Structures are given as C-alpha cells and as structure tokens.
C-alpha cells in the first residue's frame, strides 16, 4: 500500500524548521543535508527542492556561492543564508 502524500503546507513547515535548526547562529548559514531532510520529512528530494525554491522566492533564503580553487580545478561551494 502506498503512503498518503504529505500536504504541501506540512512539507513547507518541516523544511523551514529543518533549515532553521541547522542554521549557524553567528553566520546565519545553512548547509542542508538532503538525505537527512528526506528521511526526517518523508518526501523526495524534488519536493524539498521545490519548497526551497519557494522559500527563496519569498525572500526567506539567499543562495550564496563561494568560489573555490583546488589545484587546477575551480568550483563553487554553495550554501543558504537566512537573512
């Protein structure tokens, strides 16, 4: 039997609570653990990503990109910041 779908409002509240719980209070940075959030909330990664996009659109989250260089490779480290 397939479990009932978690309502969007519940996912929204749980994702927001999870991000706030993981926030570093001094820098207000958040590095979410997708796997842990999926297990805690009981939804797929896409529903969490959709909720995070909603939070970004509402101005509750900012995406911060920090360029990093390791040897000849350049890549970016991403995290969220709660304003």
C-alpha atoms as a PDB file:
ATOM      1  CA  UNK A   1       0.000   0.000   0.000  1.00  0.00           C
ATOM      2  CA  UNK A   2       1.344   3.412  -0.957  1.00  0.00           C
ATOM      3  CA  UNK A   3       1.539   6.016   1.852  1.00  0.00           C
ATOM      4  CA  UNK A   4      -0.590   9.135   1.576  1.00  0.00           C
ATOM      5  CA  UNK A   5       1.021  12.190   0.026  1.00  0.00           C
ATOM      6  CA  UNK A   6       2.290  14.733   2.550  1.00  0.00           C
ATOM      7  CA  UNK A   7       0.405  18.044   2.096  1.00  0.00           C
ATOM      8  CA  UNK A   8       2.411  20.962   0.711  1.00  0.00           C
ATOM      9  CA  UNK A   9       1.868  23.150   3.785  1.00  0.00           C
ATOM     10  CA  UNK A  10       3.280  20.410   6.013  1.00  0.00           C
ATOM     11  CA  UNK A  11       6.331  19.979   3.777  1.00  0.00           C
ATOM     12  CA  UNK A  12       6.866  23.762   3.754  1.00  0.00           C
ATOM     13  CA  UNK A  13       6.778  23.994   7.565  1.00  0.00           C
ATOM     14  CA  UNK A  14       9.019  20.955   8.054  1.00  0.00           C
ATOM     15  CA  UNK A  15      11.628  22.112   5.513  1.00  0.00           C
ATOM     16  CA  UNK A  16      11.704  25.593   7.064  1.00  0.00           C
ATOM     17  CA  UNK A  17      12.036  24.125  10.583  1.00  0.00           C
ATOM     18  CA  UNK A  18      14.796  21.782   9.420  1.00  0.00           C
ATOM     19  CA  UNK A  19      16.772  24.609   7.791  1.00  0.00           C
ATOM     20  CA  UNK A  20      16.374  26.842  10.856  1.00  0.00           C
ATOM     21  CA  UNK A  21      17.544  24.018  13.123  1.00  0.00           C
ATOM     22  CA  UNK A  22      20.702  23.560  11.013  1.00  0.00           C
ATOM     23  CA  UNK A  23      21.495  27.286  10.814  1.00  0.00           C
ATOM     24  CA  UNK A  24      24.752  28.541  12.325  1.00  0.00           C
ATOM     25  CA  UNK A  25      23.516  31.419  14.539  1.00  0.00           C
ATOM     26  CA  UNK A  26      26.675  33.506  14.173  1.00  0.00           C
ATOM     27  CA  UNK A  27      26.799  33.468  10.356  1.00  0.00           C
ATOM     28  CA  UNK A  28      23.147  32.519   9.641  1.00  0.00           C
ATOM     29  CA  UNK A  29      24.486  29.985   7.112  1.00  0.00           C
ATOM     30  CA  UNK A  30      22.732  26.716   6.404  1.00  0.00           C
ATOM     31  CA  UNK A  31      24.181  23.676   4.674  1.00  0.00           C
ATOM     32  CA  UNK A  32      21.263  21.294   4.284  1.00  0.00           C
ATOM     33  CA  UNK A  33      21.716  17.559   4.299  1.00  0.00           C
ATOM     34  CA  UNK A  34      19.347  16.419   1.583  1.00  0.00           C
ATOM     35  CA  UNK A  35      19.377  12.766   2.663  1.00  0.00           C
ATOM     36  CA  UNK A  36      18.700  13.627   6.292  1.00  0.00           C
ATOM     37  CA  UNK A  37      15.888  16.020   5.359  1.00  0.00           C
ATOM     38  CA  UNK A  38      14.325  13.400   3.081  1.00  0.00           C
ATOM     39  CA  UNK A  39      14.342  10.893   5.947  1.00  0.00           C
ATOM     40  CA  UNK A  40      13.026  13.374   8.533  1.00  0.00           C
ATOM     41  CA  UNK A  41      10.233  14.791   6.386  1.00  0.00           C
ATOM     42  CA  UNK A  42       9.366  11.655   4.441  1.00  0.00           C
ATOM     43  CA  UNK A  43       9.321  13.220   0.979  1.00  0.00           C
ATOM     44  CA  UNK A  44      11.523  13.032  -2.101  1.00  0.00           C
ATOM     45  CA  UNK A  45      14.391  15.384  -2.899  1.00  0.00           C
ATOM     46  CA  UNK A  46      12.341  17.141  -5.589  1.00  0.00           C
ATOM     47  CA  UNK A  47       9.615  18.205  -3.118  1.00  0.00           C
ATOM     48  CA  UNK A  48      12.293  19.578  -0.787  1.00  0.00           C
ATOM     49  CA  UNK A  49      13.956  21.413  -3.696  1.00  0.00           C
ATOM     50  CA  UNK A  50      10.596  22.868  -4.780  1.00  0.00           C
ATOM     51  CA  UNK A  51       9.963  24.080  -1.229  1.00  0.00           C
ATOM     52  CA  UNK A  52      13.433  25.633  -1.027  1.00  0.00           C
ATOM     53  CA  UNK A  53      12.764  27.433  -4.310  1.00  0.00           C
ATOM     54  CA  UNK A  54       9.526  28.782  -2.806  1.00  0.00           C
ATOM     55  CA  UNK A  55      11.437  29.971   0.276  1.00  0.00           C
ATOM     56  CA  UNK A  56      13.980  31.701  -1.995  1.00  0.00           C
ATOM     57  CA  UNK A  57      11.205  33.389  -3.980  1.00  0.00           C
ATOM     58  CA  UNK A  58       9.647  34.642  -0.731  1.00  0.00           C
ATOM     59  CA  UNK A  59      12.989  36.088   0.353  1.00  0.00           C
ATOM     60  CA  UNK A  60      13.414  33.773   3.342  1.00  0.00           C
ATOM     61  CA  UNK A  61      16.590  32.213   1.901  1.00  0.00           C
ATOM     62  CA  UNK A  62      19.517  33.521  -0.102  1.00  0.00           C
ATOM     63  CA  UNK A  63      21.821  31.282  -2.103  1.00  0.00           C
ATOM     64  CA  UNK A  64      25.458  32.165  -1.549  1.00  0.00           C
ATOM     65  CA  UNK A  65      28.198  30.921  -3.862  1.00  0.00           C
ATOM     66  CA  UNK A  66      31.803  30.801  -2.668  1.00  0.00           C
ATOM     67  CA  UNK A  67      34.367  30.175  -5.434  1.00  0.00           C
ATOM     68  CA  UNK A  68      36.994  27.606  -4.502  1.00  0.00           C
ATOM     69  CA  UNK A  69      40.144  26.566  -6.238  1.00  0.00           C
ATOM     70  CA  UNK A  70      41.797  23.224  -5.715  1.00  0.00           C
ATOM     71  CA  UNK A  71      44.886  22.818  -7.829  1.00  0.00           C
ATOM     72  CA  UNK A  72      43.928  23.426 -11.445  1.00  0.00           C
ATOM     73  CA  UNK A  73      40.212  22.934 -10.807  1.00  0.00           C
ATOM     74  CA  UNK A  74      37.798  25.706  -9.991  1.00  0.00           C
ATOM     75  CA  UNK A  75      34.433  25.028  -8.471  1.00  0.00           C
ATOM     76  CA  UNK A  76      31.954  26.688  -6.151  1.00  0.00           C
ATOM     77  CA  UNK A  77      30.698  25.831  -2.711  1.00  0.00           C
ATOM     78  CA  UNK A  78      27.030  26.680  -2.190  1.00  0.00           C
ATOM     79  CA  UNK A  79      25.116  27.300   0.991  1.00  0.00           C
ATOM     80  CA  UNK A  80      21.987  29.093   2.088  1.00  0.00           C
ATOM     81  CA  UNK A  81      21.770  32.163   4.283  1.00  0.00           C
ATOM     82  CA  UNK A  82      18.702  33.124   6.278  1.00  0.00           C
ATOM     83  CA  UNK A  83      18.503  36.954   6.248  1.00  0.00           C
END
